[in-house]
């Protein structure tokens, strides 16, 4: 008997995992009142994160800050004359 092709295997596994996910979500929904309060924050955090993923929302936000250092600042730092402390600047639009 031949096995499933990789594509068919992946499709079959995805369907099985979707089914298990649906059963788990239904069970959690039905038994949420019975979850110990110590576990609720973690469970709710995961749920909120997964809702965001399912709704195509970002789960992480990356902020880029522009910092400007002059050549003089670098030279002073290399000579040990000063420690550079830079205030983050808002990126220009």
C-alpha atoms as a PDB file:
ATOM      1  CA  UNK A   1       0.000   0.000   0.000  1.00  0.00           C
ATOM      2  CA  UNK A   2       1.489   3.339  -0.995  1.00  0.00           C
ATOM      3  CA  UNK A   3       1.602   6.261   1.430  1.00  0.00           C
ATOM      4  CA  UNK A   4       0.146   9.684   0.974  1.00  0.00           C
ATOM      5  CA  UNK A   5       2.041  12.231  -1.061  1.00  0.00           C
ATOM      6  CA  UNK A   6       3.617  15.054   0.941  1.00  0.00           C
ATOM      7  CA  UNK A   7       0.909  17.454  -0.182  1.00  0.00           C
ATOM      8  CA  UNK A   8      -1.894  15.041   0.718  1.00  0.00           C
ATOM      9  CA  UNK A   9      -0.245  14.218   4.054  1.00  0.00           C
ATOM     10  CA  UNK A  10       0.078  17.904   4.939  1.00  0.00           C
ATOM     11  CA  UNK A  11      -3.544  18.562   3.946  1.00  0.00           C
ATOM     12  CA  UNK A  12      -4.722  15.581   5.998  1.00  0.00           C
ATOM     13  CA  UNK A  13      -2.656  16.643   9.041  1.00  0.00           C
ATOM     14  CA  UNK A  14      -3.897  20.244   8.766  1.00  0.00           C
ATOM     15  CA  UNK A  15      -7.495  19.000   8.750  1.00  0.00           C
ATOM     16  CA  UNK A  16      -6.896  16.752  11.776  1.00  0.00           C
ATOM     17  CA  UNK A  17      -5.242  19.618  13.682  1.00  0.00           C
ATOM     18  CA  UNK A  18      -8.062  22.026  12.744  1.00  0.00           C
ATOM     19  CA  UNK A  19     -10.569  19.501  14.076  1.00  0.00           C
ATOM     20  CA  UNK A  20      -8.609  19.073  17.321  1.00  0.00           C
ATOM     21  CA  UNK A  21      -8.325  22.853  17.637  1.00  0.00           C
ATOM     22  CA  UNK A  22     -12.063  23.265  17.209  1.00  0.00           C
ATOM     23  CA  UNK A  23     -12.775  20.581  19.820  1.00  0.00           C
ATOM     24  CA  UNK A  24     -10.297  22.189  22.226  1.00  0.00           C
ATOM     25  CA  UNK A  25     -11.774  25.646  21.712  1.00  0.00           C
ATOM     26  CA  UNK A  26     -15.297  24.312  22.281  1.00  0.00           C
ATOM     27  CA  UNK A  27     -14.211  22.487  25.432  1.00  0.00           C
ATOM     28  CA  UNK A  28     -12.443  25.585  26.747  1.00  0.00           C
ATOM     29  CA  UNK A  29     -15.535  27.661  26.019  1.00  0.00           C
ATOM     30  CA  UNK A  30     -17.780  25.163  27.808  1.00  0.00           C
ATOM     31  CA  UNK A  31     -15.506  24.724  30.830  1.00  0.00           C
ATOM     32  CA  UNK A  32     -14.011  28.206  31.269  1.00  0.00           C
ATOM     33  CA  UNK A  33     -15.786  28.617  34.619  1.00  0.00           C
ATOM     34  CA  UNK A  34     -13.968  25.538  35.960  1.00  0.00           C
ATOM     35  CA  UNK A  35     -10.451  26.761  35.137  1.00  0.00           C
ATOM     36  CA  UNK A  36      -8.419  27.619  38.218  1.00  0.00           C
ATOM     37  CA  UNK A  37      -7.909  31.405  38.494  1.00  0.00           C
ATOM     38  CA  UNK A  38      -4.119  30.937  38.411  1.00  0.00           C
ATOM     39  CA  UNK A  39      -4.352  29.606  34.852  1.00  0.00           C
ATOM     40  CA  UNK A  40      -6.813  32.149  33.448  1.00  0.00           C
ATOM     41  CA  UNK A  41      -4.303  34.918  32.606  1.00  0.00           C
ATOM     42  CA  UNK A  42      -2.176  32.535  30.547  1.00  0.00           C
ATOM     43  CA  UNK A  43      -5.163  30.953  28.827  1.00  0.00           C
ATOM     44  CA  UNK A  44      -6.712  34.321  28.038  1.00  0.00           C
ATOM     45  CA  UNK A  45      -3.399  35.730  26.800  1.00  0.00           C
ATOM     46  CA  UNK A  46      -3.013  32.841  24.368  1.00  0.00           C
ATOM     47  CA  UNK A  47      -6.640  33.157  23.263  1.00  0.00           C
ATOM     48  CA  UNK A  48      -6.297  36.902  22.609  1.00  0.00           C
ATOM     49  CA  UNK A  49      -3.084  36.331  20.659  1.00  0.00           C
ATOM     50  CA  UNK A  50      -4.635  33.591  18.526  1.00  0.00           C
ATOM     51  CA  UNK A  51      -7.721  35.696  17.802  1.00  0.00           C
ATOM     52  CA  UNK A  52      -5.397  38.426  16.509  1.00  0.00           C
ATOM     53  CA  UNK A  53      -3.604  35.895  14.283  1.00  0.00           C
ATOM     54  CA  UNK A  54      -6.887  34.552  12.914  1.00  0.00           C
ATOM     55  CA  UNK A  55      -8.012  38.111  12.155  1.00  0.00           C
ATOM     56  CA  UNK A  56      -4.716  38.879  10.366  1.00  0.00           C
ATOM     57  CA  UNK A  57      -3.650  41.360  13.046  1.00  0.00           C
ATOM     58  CA  UNK A  58       0.018  41.773  13.959  1.00  0.00           C
ATOM     59  CA  UNK A  59       1.096  39.966  17.117  1.00  0.00           C
ATOM     60  CA  UNK A  60       4.265  42.017  17.463  1.00  0.00           C
ATOM     61  CA  UNK A  61       4.969  45.652  16.773  1.00  0.00           C
ATOM     62  CA  UNK A  62       8.526  46.659  15.982  1.00  0.00           C
ATOM     63  CA  UNK A  63       9.515  50.243  16.633  1.00  0.00           C
ATOM     64  CA  UNK A  64      12.496  51.730  14.854  1.00  0.00           C
ATOM     65  CA  UNK A  65      14.238  54.645  16.511  1.00  0.00           C
ATOM     66  CA  UNK A  66      16.766  56.779  14.732  1.00  0.00           C
ATOM     67  CA  UNK A  67      19.837  57.681  16.727  1.00  0.00           C
ATOM     68  CA  UNK A  68      22.475  60.047  15.393  1.00  0.00           C
ATOM     69  CA  UNK A  69      26.081  59.830  16.544  1.00  0.00           C
ATOM     70  CA  UNK A  70      28.699  62.183  15.180  1.00  0.00           C
ATOM     71  CA  UNK A  71      32.201  61.120  14.230  1.00  0.00           C
ATOM     72  CA  UNK A  72      33.499  63.333  17.044  1.00  0.00           C
ATOM     73  CA  UNK A  73      31.346  61.393  19.537  1.00  0.00           C
ATOM     74  CA  UNK A  74      32.762  58.106  18.257  1.00  0.00           C
ATOM     75  CA  UNK A  75      36.347  59.403  18.474  1.00  0.00           C
ATOM     76  CA  UNK A  76      35.796  60.572  22.072  1.00  0.00           C
ATOM     77  CA  UNK A  77      34.287  57.217  22.979  1.00  0.00           C
ATOM     78  CA  UNK A  78      37.207  55.320  21.432  1.00  0.00           C
ATOM     79  CA  UNK A  79      39.670  57.470  23.369  1.00  0.00           C
ATOM     80  CA  UNK A  80      37.730  56.813  26.561  1.00  0.00           C
ATOM     81  CA  UNK A  81      37.003  60.485  27.038  1.00  0.00           C
ATOM     82  CA  UNK A  82      33.250  60.163  27.326  1.00  0.00           C
ATOM     83  CA  UNK A  83      30.307  57.829  27.339  1.00  0.00           C
ATOM     84  CA  UNK A  84      27.777  58.574  24.633  1.00  0.00           C
ATOM     85  CA  UNK A  85      24.242  59.009  25.868  1.00  0.00           C
ATOM     86  CA  UNK A  86      21.798  59.388  23.046  1.00  0.00           C
ATOM     87  CA  UNK A  87      18.223  60.542  23.343  1.00  0.00           C
ATOM     88  CA  UNK A  88      16.002  58.665  20.875  1.00  0.00           C
ATOM     89  CA  UNK A  89      14.592  60.904  18.177  1.00  0.00           C
ATOM     90  CA  UNK A  90      11.239  60.465  16.529  1.00  0.00           C
ATOM     91  CA  UNK A  91      11.607  59.285  12.933  1.00  0.00           C
ATOM     92  CA  UNK A  92      10.741  61.924  10.386  1.00  0.00           C
ATOM     93  CA  UNK A  93       7.774  61.100   8.207  1.00  0.00           C
END
